[in-house]
Amino acid sequence: MHEKKYGELAIEKAELEAWDNPYPDRDYLIEITFPEFTCLCPRSGYPDFAIIKISYIPDKKIVELRSLKLWLNKFRNTYISHEAVTNQIFDALWELLKPRRLKVVADFHPRGNVHTIVTVEREL
């Protein structure tokens, strides 16, 4: 067994962090793309790869980007369906930020000649 690297330890401990919105009186759109998302198929154990796209109009809070990056990497060893992981990401961000609008799109790379895109969206 190898000693865990600092990055592995950071991912293990990762928690989403919210910061105060510097312009809560204004509607503006934040778009975040995470192009190297991975998780594991709950049936086969094969890796699934996706591009996660997050767009939101903040209210009082915004997500701290380093915490989001590390937290999303926690899924890399998790057996989870495309639908479940997209909804979990959405739920965590909705609960943390309570934004005016939030959309999470998980665009999974084709596997077995099937291309899946899961979108979860909500507005106050």
C-alpha atoms as a PDB file:
ATOM      1  CA  MET A   1       0.000   0.000   0.000  1.00  0.00           C
ATOM      2  CA  HIS A   2       1.326   3.415  -0.869  1.00  0.00           C
ATOM      3  CA  GLU A   3       1.221   6.510   1.241  1.00  0.00           C
ATOM      4  CA  LYS A   4      -1.490   8.866   0.022  1.00  0.00           C
ATOM      5  CA  LYS A   5      -0.347  11.966  -1.821  1.00  0.00           C
ATOM      6  CA  TYR A   6      -1.395  15.443  -0.702  1.00  0.00           C
ATOM      7  CA  GLY A   7      -3.889  15.704  -3.573  1.00  0.00           C
ATOM      8  CA  GLU A   8      -5.601  12.450  -2.615  1.00  0.00           C
ATOM      9  CA  LEU A   9      -5.873  13.635   0.976  1.00  0.00           C
ATOM     10  CA  ALA A  10      -7.288  16.998  -0.136  1.00  0.00           C
ATOM     11  CA  ILE A  11      -9.928  15.254  -2.264  1.00  0.00           C
ATOM     12  CA  GLU A  12     -10.905  12.930   0.597  1.00  0.00           C
ATOM     13  CA  LYS A  13     -11.469  15.900   2.925  1.00  0.00           C
ATOM     14  CA  ALA A  14     -13.127  18.143   0.327  1.00  0.00           C
ATOM     15  CA  GLU A  15     -16.251  20.037   1.332  1.00  0.00           C
ATOM     16  CA  LEU A  16     -18.094  22.595  -0.744  1.00  0.00           C
ATOM     17  CA  GLU A  17     -17.490  26.127   0.472  1.00  0.00           C
ATOM     18  CA  ALA A  18     -19.632  29.213  -0.122  1.00  0.00           C
ATOM     19  CA  TRP A  19     -18.374  32.776  -0.262  1.00  0.00           C
ATOM     20  CA  ASP A  20     -20.329  35.990   0.001  1.00  0.00           C
ATOM     21  CA  ASN A  21     -21.568  37.268  -3.341  1.00  0.00           C
ATOM     22  CA  PRO A  22     -19.782  40.587  -3.998  1.00  0.00           C
ATOM     23  CA  TYR A  23     -22.805  41.872  -6.012  1.00  0.00           C
ATOM     24  CA  PRO A  24     -25.965  40.435  -4.405  1.00  0.00           C
ATOM     25  CA  ASP A  25     -28.058  43.355  -5.722  1.00  0.00           C
ATOM     26  CA  ARG A  26     -27.398  42.367  -9.358  1.00  0.00           C
ATOM     27  CA  ASP A  27     -28.401  39.396 -11.498  1.00  0.00           C
ATOM     28  CA  TYR A  28     -25.382  37.934 -13.267  1.00  0.00           C
ATOM     29  CA  LEU A  29     -24.611  34.512 -14.655  1.00  0.00           C
ATOM     30  CA  ILE A  30     -21.737  32.326 -13.457  1.00  0.00           C
ATOM     31  CA  GLU A  31     -20.758  29.464 -15.761  1.00  0.00           C
ATOM     32  CA  ILE A  32     -18.354  26.740 -14.642  1.00  0.00           C
ATOM     33  CA  THR A  33     -17.115  23.832 -16.764  1.00  0.00           C
ATOM     34  CA  PHE A  34     -15.446  20.773 -15.277  1.00  0.00           C
ATOM     35  CA  PRO A  35     -14.169  18.844 -18.331  1.00  0.00           C
ATOM     36  CA  GLU A  36     -12.537  15.874 -16.607  1.00  0.00           C
ATOM     37  CA  PHE A  37     -15.276  14.486 -14.369  1.00  0.00           C
ATOM     38  CA  THR A  38     -15.146  10.762 -13.623  1.00  0.00           C
ATOM     39  CA  CYS A  39     -17.215   8.277 -11.663  1.00  0.00           C
ATOM     40  CA  LEU A  40     -17.775   4.530 -11.867  1.00  0.00           C
ATOM     41  CA  CYS A  41     -20.665   2.642 -13.467  1.00  0.00           C
ATOM     42  CA  PRO A  42     -22.640   1.027 -10.619  1.00  0.00           C
ATOM     43  CA  ARG A  43     -23.296  -2.078 -12.730  1.00  0.00           C
ATOM     44  CA  SER A  44     -19.976  -2.795 -14.460  1.00  0.00           C
ATOM     45  CA  GLY A  45     -17.440  -0.772 -12.480  1.00  0.00           C
ATOM     46  CA  TYR A  46     -16.138   0.738 -15.725  1.00  0.00           C
ATOM     47  CA  PRO A  47     -15.179   4.402 -15.523  1.00  0.00           C
ATOM     48  CA  ASP A  48     -17.620   6.989 -16.848  1.00  0.00           C
ATOM     49  CA  PHE A  49     -16.261  10.309 -18.095  1.00  0.00           C
ATOM     50  CA  ALA A  50     -18.254  13.514 -18.396  1.00  0.00           C
ATOM     51  CA  ILE A  51     -18.122  17.230 -18.846  1.00  0.00           C
ATOM     52  CA  ILE A  52     -20.018  18.871 -15.984  1.00  0.00           C
ATOM     53  CA  LYS A  53     -21.433  22.311 -16.765  1.00  0.00           C
ATOM     54  CA  ILE A  54     -22.787  24.426 -13.949  1.00  0.00           C
ATOM     55  CA  SER A  55     -24.508  27.748 -14.537  1.00  0.00           C
ATOM     56  CA  TYR A  56     -26.216  29.811 -11.902  1.00  0.00           C
ATOM     57  CA  ILE A  57     -27.440  33.242 -10.962  1.00  0.00           C
ATOM     58  CA  PRO A  58     -26.283  33.754  -7.383  1.00  0.00           C
ATOM     59  CA  ASP A  59     -28.217  35.351  -4.572  1.00  0.00           C
ATOM     60  CA  LYS A  60     -26.221  35.901  -1.378  1.00  0.00           C
ATOM     61  CA  LYS A  61     -23.552  33.196  -1.925  1.00  0.00           C
ATOM     62  CA  ILE A  62     -21.190  31.953  -4.639  1.00  0.00           C
ATOM     63  CA  VAL A  63     -19.249  28.690  -4.711  1.00  0.00           C
ATOM     64  CA  GLU A  64     -15.525  28.760  -3.988  1.00  0.00           C
ATOM     65  CA  LEU A  65     -13.950  27.175  -7.059  1.00  0.00           C
ATOM     66  CA  ARG A  66     -11.141  25.176  -5.457  1.00  0.00           C
ATOM     67  CA  SER A  67     -13.594  23.539  -3.063  1.00  0.00           C
ATOM     68  CA  LEU A  68     -15.867  22.689  -6.012  1.00  0.00           C
ATOM     69  CA  LYS A  69     -12.985  21.156  -7.978  1.00  0.00           C
ATOM     70  CA  LEU A  70     -11.859  18.976  -5.101  1.00  0.00           C
ATOM     71  CA  TRP A  71     -15.422  17.990  -4.161  1.00  0.00           C
ATOM     72  CA  LEU A  72     -16.267  16.939  -7.733  1.00  0.00           C
ATOM     73  CA  ASN A  73     -13.142  14.775  -7.766  1.00  0.00           C
ATOM     74  CA  LYS A  74     -14.559  12.799  -4.813  1.00  0.00           C
ATOM     75  CA  PHE A  75     -16.872  11.049  -7.284  1.00  0.00           C
ATOM     76  CA  ARG A  76     -13.993   9.422  -9.184  1.00  0.00           C
ATOM     77  CA  ASN A  77     -14.145   6.242  -7.073  1.00  0.00           C
ATOM     78  CA  THR A  78     -17.911   6.286  -6.520  1.00  0.00           C
ATOM     79  CA  TYR A  79     -20.262   3.754  -8.134  1.00  0.00           C
ATOM     80  CA  ILE A  80     -23.130   5.988  -9.261  1.00  0.00           C
ATOM     81  CA  SER A  81     -25.476   6.395 -12.223  1.00  0.00           C
ATOM     82  CA  HIS A  82     -25.439   9.381 -14.553  1.00  0.00           C
ATOM     83  CA  GLU A  83     -28.817  10.490 -13.271  1.00  0.00           C
ATOM     84  CA  ALA A  84     -27.931  10.140  -9.593  1.00  0.00           C
ATOM     85  CA  VAL A  85     -24.636  11.990  -9.800  1.00  0.00           C
ATOM     86  CA  THR A  86     -26.147  14.906 -11.732  1.00  0.00           C
ATOM     87  CA  ASN A  87     -28.925  15.250  -9.172  1.00  0.00           C
ATOM     88  CA  GLN A  88     -26.498  14.968  -6.244  1.00  0.00           C
ATOM     89  CA  ILE A  89     -24.338  17.763  -7.666  1.00  0.00           C
ATOM     90  CA  PHE A  90     -27.429  19.893  -8.225  1.00  0.00           C
ATOM     91  CA  ASP A  91     -28.845  19.232  -4.736  1.00  0.00           C
ATOM     92  CA  ALA A  92     -25.551  20.041  -2.994  1.00  0.00           C
ATOM     93  CA  LEU A  93     -25.139  23.339  -4.865  1.00  0.00           C
ATOM     94  CA  TRP A  94     -28.801  24.305  -4.438  1.00  0.00           C
ATOM     95  CA  GLU A  95     -28.626  23.683  -0.687  1.00  0.00           C
ATOM     96  CA  LEU A  96     -25.282  25.461  -0.242  1.00  0.00           C
ATOM     97  CA  LEU A  97     -25.916  28.519  -2.406  1.00  0.00           C
ATOM     98  CA  LYS A  98     -29.691  28.962  -2.513  1.00  0.00           C
ATOM     99  CA  PRO A  99     -29.227  30.673  -5.888  1.00  0.00           C
ATOM    100  CA  ARG A 100     -31.827  32.523  -7.926  1.00  0.00           C
ATOM    101  CA  ARG A 101     -31.326  29.997 -10.728  1.00  0.00           C
ATOM    102  CA  LEU A 102     -29.222  26.850 -11.096  1.00  0.00           C
ATOM    103  CA  LYS A 103     -28.602  24.472 -13.988  1.00  0.00           C
ATOM    104  CA  VAL A 104     -26.321  21.412 -13.940  1.00  0.00           C
ATOM    105  CA  VAL A 105     -25.620  19.546 -17.172  1.00  0.00           C
ATOM    106  CA  ALA A 106     -23.676  16.276 -17.164  1.00  0.00           C
ATOM    107  CA  ASP A 107     -22.570  15.399 -20.696  1.00  0.00           C
ATOM    108  CA  PHE A 108     -21.225  11.848 -20.501  1.00  0.00           C
ATOM    109  CA  HIS A 109     -18.841  10.533 -23.142  1.00  0.00           C
ATOM    110  CA  PRO A 110     -20.382   7.796 -25.287  1.00  0.00           C
ATOM    111  CA  ARG A 111     -19.895   4.257 -24.047  1.00  0.00           C
ATOM    112  CA  GLY A 112     -21.286   1.251 -25.888  1.00  0.00           C
ATOM    113  CA  ASN A 113     -22.472   3.642 -28.617  1.00  0.00           C
ATOM    114  CA  VAL A 114     -24.776   5.462 -26.147  1.00  0.00           C
ATOM    115  CA  HIS A 115     -24.379   9.169 -25.403  1.00  0.00           C
ATOM    116  CA  THR A 116     -26.166  10.472 -22.296  1.00  0.00           C
ATOM    117  CA  ILE A 117     -26.783  14.071 -21.253  1.00  0.00           C
ATOM    118  CA  VAL A 118     -28.567  14.685 -17.958  1.00  0.00           C
ATOM    119  CA  THR A 119     -29.846  18.190 -17.131  1.00  0.00           C
ATOM    120  CA  VAL A 120     -31.276  19.390 -13.824  1.00  0.00           C
ATOM    121  CA  GLU A 121     -32.560  22.941 -13.603  1.00  0.00           C
ATOM    122  CA  ARG A 122     -34.500  25.093 -11.149  1.00  0.00           C
ATOM    123  CA  GLU A 123     -35.354  28.731 -10.673  1.00  0.00           C
ATOM    124  CA  LEU A 124     -36.711  30.478  -7.591  1.00  0.00           C
END
